[in-house]
C-alpha atoms as a PDB file:
ATOM      1  CA  MET A   1      -0.045  -0.002  -0.165  1.00  0.00           C
ATOM      2  CA  THR A   2       0.952   3.432  -1.054  1.00  0.00           C
ATOM      3  CA  SER A   3       1.279   6.160   1.844  1.00  0.00           C
ATOM      4  CA  GLU A   4      -1.364   7.891   0.593  1.00  0.00           C
ATOM      5  CA  LEU A   5      -4.966   6.561   0.067  1.00  0.00           C
ATOM      6  CA  ALA A   6      -7.804   7.911  -2.625  1.00  0.00           C
ATOM      7  CA  PRO A   7     -10.780   9.270  -0.900  1.00  0.00           C
ATOM      8  CA  VAL A   8     -12.863   5.713  -1.520  1.00  0.00           C
ATOM      9  CA  GLN A   9      -9.479   4.033   0.237  1.00  0.00           C
ATOM     10  CA  ALA A  10      -9.969   6.479   3.148  1.00  0.00           C
ATOM     11  CA  LEU A  11     -13.572   5.874   3.530  1.00  0.00           C
ATOM     12  CA  ARG A  12     -13.622   2.184   3.002  1.00  0.00           C
ATOM     13  CA  LEU A  13     -10.783   1.851   5.627  1.00  0.00           C
ATOM     14  CA  TRP A  14     -12.822   3.687   8.387  1.00  0.00           C
ATOM     15  CA  HIS A  15     -15.530   1.741   7.024  1.00  0.00           C
ATOM     16  CA  GLU A  16     -13.843  -1.906   7.649  1.00  0.00           C
ATOM     17  CA  VAL A  17     -11.855  -0.394  11.413  1.00  0.00           C
ATOM     18  CA  ALA A  18     -15.321   0.500  11.894  1.00  0.00           C
ATOM     19  CA  LEU A  19     -17.065  -2.563  11.048  1.00  0.00           C
ATOM     20  CA  ASP A  20     -14.634  -4.512  13.302  1.00  0.00           C
ATOM     21  CA  LEU A  21     -15.372  -2.417  16.111  1.00  0.00           C
ATOM     22  CA  VAL A  22     -19.024  -3.177  16.355  1.00  0.00           C
ATOM     23  CA  ARG A  23     -18.240  -6.727  15.791  1.00  0.00           C
ATOM     24  CA  ASP A  24     -16.036  -7.585  18.192  1.00  0.00           C
ATOM     25  CA  GLU A  25     -16.114  -7.708  21.947  1.00  0.00           C
ATOM     26  CA  ASP A  26     -14.791  -4.753  23.034  1.00  0.00           C
ATOM     27  CA  ALA A  27     -16.141  -1.471  24.399  1.00  0.00           C
ATOM     28  CA  ASP A  28     -18.459  -0.037  21.346  1.00  0.00           C
ATOM     29  CA  LEU A  29     -17.242   3.579  21.730  1.00  0.00           C
ATOM     30  CA  SER A  30     -18.597   7.252  20.001  1.00  0.00           C
ATOM     31  CA  ALA A  31     -16.309   9.121  17.699  1.00  0.00           C
ATOM     32  CA  ARG A  32     -16.311  11.587  20.351  1.00  0.00           C
ATOM     33  CA  GLN A  33     -15.321   9.113  23.007  1.00  0.00           C
ATOM     34  CA  THR A  34     -12.628   7.996  21.013  1.00  0.00           C
ATOM     35  CA  ALA A  35     -11.240  10.813  20.454  1.00  0.00           C
ATOM     36  CA  ILE A  36     -11.016  11.591  23.843  1.00  0.00           C
ATOM     37  CA  LEU A  37      -9.069   8.276  24.626  1.00  0.00           C
ATOM     38  CA  LEU A  38      -6.469   9.186  21.809  1.00  0.00           C
ATOM     39  CA  THR A  39      -5.452  12.302  23.246  1.00  0.00           C
ATOM     40  CA  VAL A  40      -5.297  10.996  26.681  1.00  0.00           C
ATOM     41  CA  TYR A  41      -3.119   8.166  25.451  1.00  0.00           C
ATOM     42  CA  LEU A  42      -1.066   9.978  22.335  1.00  0.00           C
ATOM     43  CA  GLU A  43      -0.472  13.554  23.730  1.00  0.00           C
ATOM     44  CA  ALA A  44       1.537  13.867  27.204  1.00  0.00           C
ATOM     45  CA  PRO A  45      -0.264  14.150  30.531  1.00  0.00           C
ATOM     46  CA  PRO A  46      -1.259  15.814  32.569  1.00  0.00           C
ATOM     47  CA  HIS A  47      -4.577  15.586  31.323  1.00  0.00           C
ATOM     48  CA  THR A  48      -7.796  17.521  33.088  1.00  0.00           C
ATOM     49  CA  VAL A  49     -11.312  17.607  32.118  1.00  0.00           C
ATOM     50  CA  ARG A  50     -10.876  21.570  31.575  1.00  0.00           C
ATOM     51  CA  GLY A  51      -8.324  21.112  28.966  1.00  0.00           C
ATOM     52  CA  LEU A  52     -10.081  17.921  27.285  1.00  0.00           C
ATOM     53  CA  ALA A  53     -12.730  20.157  27.044  1.00  0.00           C
ATOM     54  CA  ALA A  54     -10.659  23.416  25.621  1.00  0.00           C
ATOM     55  CA  GLN A  55      -8.292  20.826  23.505  1.00  0.00           C
ATOM     56  CA  LEU A  56     -11.283  19.443  21.725  1.00  0.00           C
ATOM     57  CA  GLY A  57     -13.891  22.501  21.461  1.00  0.00           C
ATOM     58  CA  VAL A  58     -16.727  21.010  23.502  1.00  0.00           C
ATOM     59  CA  THR A  59     -18.171  21.639  26.998  1.00  0.00           C
ATOM     60  CA  LYS A  60     -16.725  20.468  30.305  1.00  0.00           C
ATOM     61  CA  PRO A  61     -20.228  17.825  30.701  1.00  0.00           C
ATOM     62  CA  VAL A  62     -19.317  16.188  27.519  1.00  0.00           C
ATOM     63  CA  ILE A  63     -15.493  15.242  28.558  1.00  0.00           C
ATOM     64  CA  THR A  64     -17.262  14.001  31.962  1.00  0.00           C
ATOM     65  CA  ARG A  65     -19.649  11.886  30.466  1.00  0.00           C
ATOM     66  CA  ALA A  66     -17.695  10.405  27.964  1.00  0.00           C
ATOM     67  CA  LEU A  67     -15.102  10.089  31.050  1.00  0.00           C
ATOM     68  CA  ASN A  68     -17.658   8.455  32.830  1.00  0.00           C
ATOM     69  CA  THR A  69     -18.461   5.643  30.392  1.00  0.00           C
ATOM     70  CA  MET A  70     -14.752   4.984  29.271  1.00  0.00           C
ATOM     71  CA  GLY A  71     -14.029   4.764  33.390  1.00  0.00           C
ATOM     72  CA  ALA A  72     -16.639   2.286  33.541  1.00  0.00           C
ATOM     73  CA  LEU A  73     -15.063   0.628  31.060  1.00  0.00           C
ATOM     74  CA  ASP A  74     -11.504   1.173  32.911  1.00  0.00           C
ATOM     75  CA  LEU A  75      -9.992   2.522  29.908  1.00  0.00           C
ATOM     76  CA  VAL A  76      -8.894   5.450  31.918  1.00  0.00           C
ATOM     77  CA  LYS A  77      -9.250   6.419  35.416  1.00  0.00           C
ATOM     78  CA  ARG A  78      -9.715  10.137  37.337  1.00  0.00           C
ATOM     79  CA  ARG A  79      -7.198  10.701  40.315  1.00  0.00           C
ATOM     80  CA  ARG A  80      -7.620  14.279  42.222  1.00  0.00           C
ATOM     81  CA  ASP A  81      -4.487  16.555  41.214  1.00  0.00           C
ATOM     82  CA  GLU A  82      -2.365  16.550  44.403  1.00  0.00           C
ATOM     83  CA  LYS A  83      -0.816  19.970  43.678  1.00  0.00           C
ATOM     84  CA  ASP A  84      -4.217  21.631  42.993  1.00  0.00           C
ATOM     85  CA  ARG A  85      -7.724  19.646  45.020  1.00  0.00           C
ATOM     86  CA  ARG A  86      -9.784  21.108  41.939  1.00  0.00           C
ATOM     87  CA  ASN A  87      -8.460  19.572  39.063  1.00  0.00           C
ATOM     88  CA  VAL A  88      -9.319  16.322  38.616  1.00  0.00           C
ATOM     89  CA  LEU A  89      -6.310  14.259  36.438  1.00  0.00           C
ATOM     90  CA  ILE A  90      -7.277  11.586  33.655  1.00  0.00           C
ATOM     91  CA  GLN A  91      -4.851   9.031  33.882  1.00  0.00           C
ATOM     92  CA  ARG A  92      -4.651   5.868  31.808  1.00  0.00           C
ATOM     93  CA  THR A  93      -5.442   2.445  32.478  1.00  0.00           C
ATOM     94  CA  VAL A  94      -3.802  -1.286  31.390  1.00  0.00           C
ATOM     95  CA  GLN A  95      -7.016  -1.905  29.840  1.00  0.00           C
ATOM     96  CA  GLY A  96      -7.210   1.407  27.694  1.00  0.00           C
ATOM     97  CA  SER A  97      -3.453   0.416  26.203  1.00  0.00           C
ATOM     98  CA  LEU A  98      -4.358  -2.982  25.360  1.00  0.00           C
ATOM     99  CA  PHE A  99      -7.632  -1.519  23.849  1.00  0.00           C
ATOM    100  CA  LEU A 100      -5.765   0.813  21.814  1.00  0.00           C
ATOM    101  CA  ASP A 101      -3.415  -1.566  21.055  1.00  0.00           C
ATOM    102  CA  ARG A 102      -5.922  -3.819  19.296  1.00  0.00           C
ATOM    103  CA  LEU A 103      -7.406  -0.883  17.822  1.00  0.00           C
ATOM    104  CA  ALA A 104      -4.284  -0.042  15.751  1.00  0.00           C
ATOM    105  CA  GLN A 105      -3.820  -3.932  14.994  1.00  0.00           C
ATOM    106  CA  LYS A 106      -6.951  -3.878  13.298  1.00  0.00           C
ATOM    107  CA  ILE A 107      -5.916  -0.548  11.430  1.00  0.00           C
ATOM    108  CA  ILE A 108      -3.085  -2.091  10.194  1.00  0.00           C
ATOM    109  CA  GLY A 109      -4.515  -5.292   9.039  1.00  0.00           C
ATOM    110  CA  ARG A 110      -7.333  -3.444   7.399  1.00  0.00           C
ATOM    111  CA  CYS A 111      -4.577  -0.707   5.633  1.00  0.00           C
ATOM    112  CA  SER A 112      -2.759  -3.497   3.883  1.00  0.00           C
ATOM    113  CA  GLU A 113      -6.676  -4.850   2.462  1.00  0.00           C
ATOM    114  CA  VAL A 114      -7.776  -1.303   1.394  1.00  0.00           C
ATOM    115  CA  GLY A 115      -4.270  -0.919  -0.268  1.00  0.00           C
ATOM    116  CA  SER A 116      -4.821  -4.232  -2.155  1.00  0.00           C
END
């Protein structure tokens, strides 16, 4: 596969990965939840509700609802900031790391199929 995808190939890749996510036993996250999760795992900490809301251009309640869902799935956890008790830090978990590793493997696997 070349490093550039045609628009239809990009959409096919997204479609195939989305189908894999719906069909498997992993959590079925929304696009917003996935964006938040990827931000927490791919960008350097610390992450706060306020910071994530500003970065993603959504309200703090939107982030809080997503974190509630992802926390229940053990994909992230929250901890009070010891330096500033008003802040809640969003932290990575082993389960979250494993979830994203499986997602990355699905994307890699589908990339080779789309490019053929």
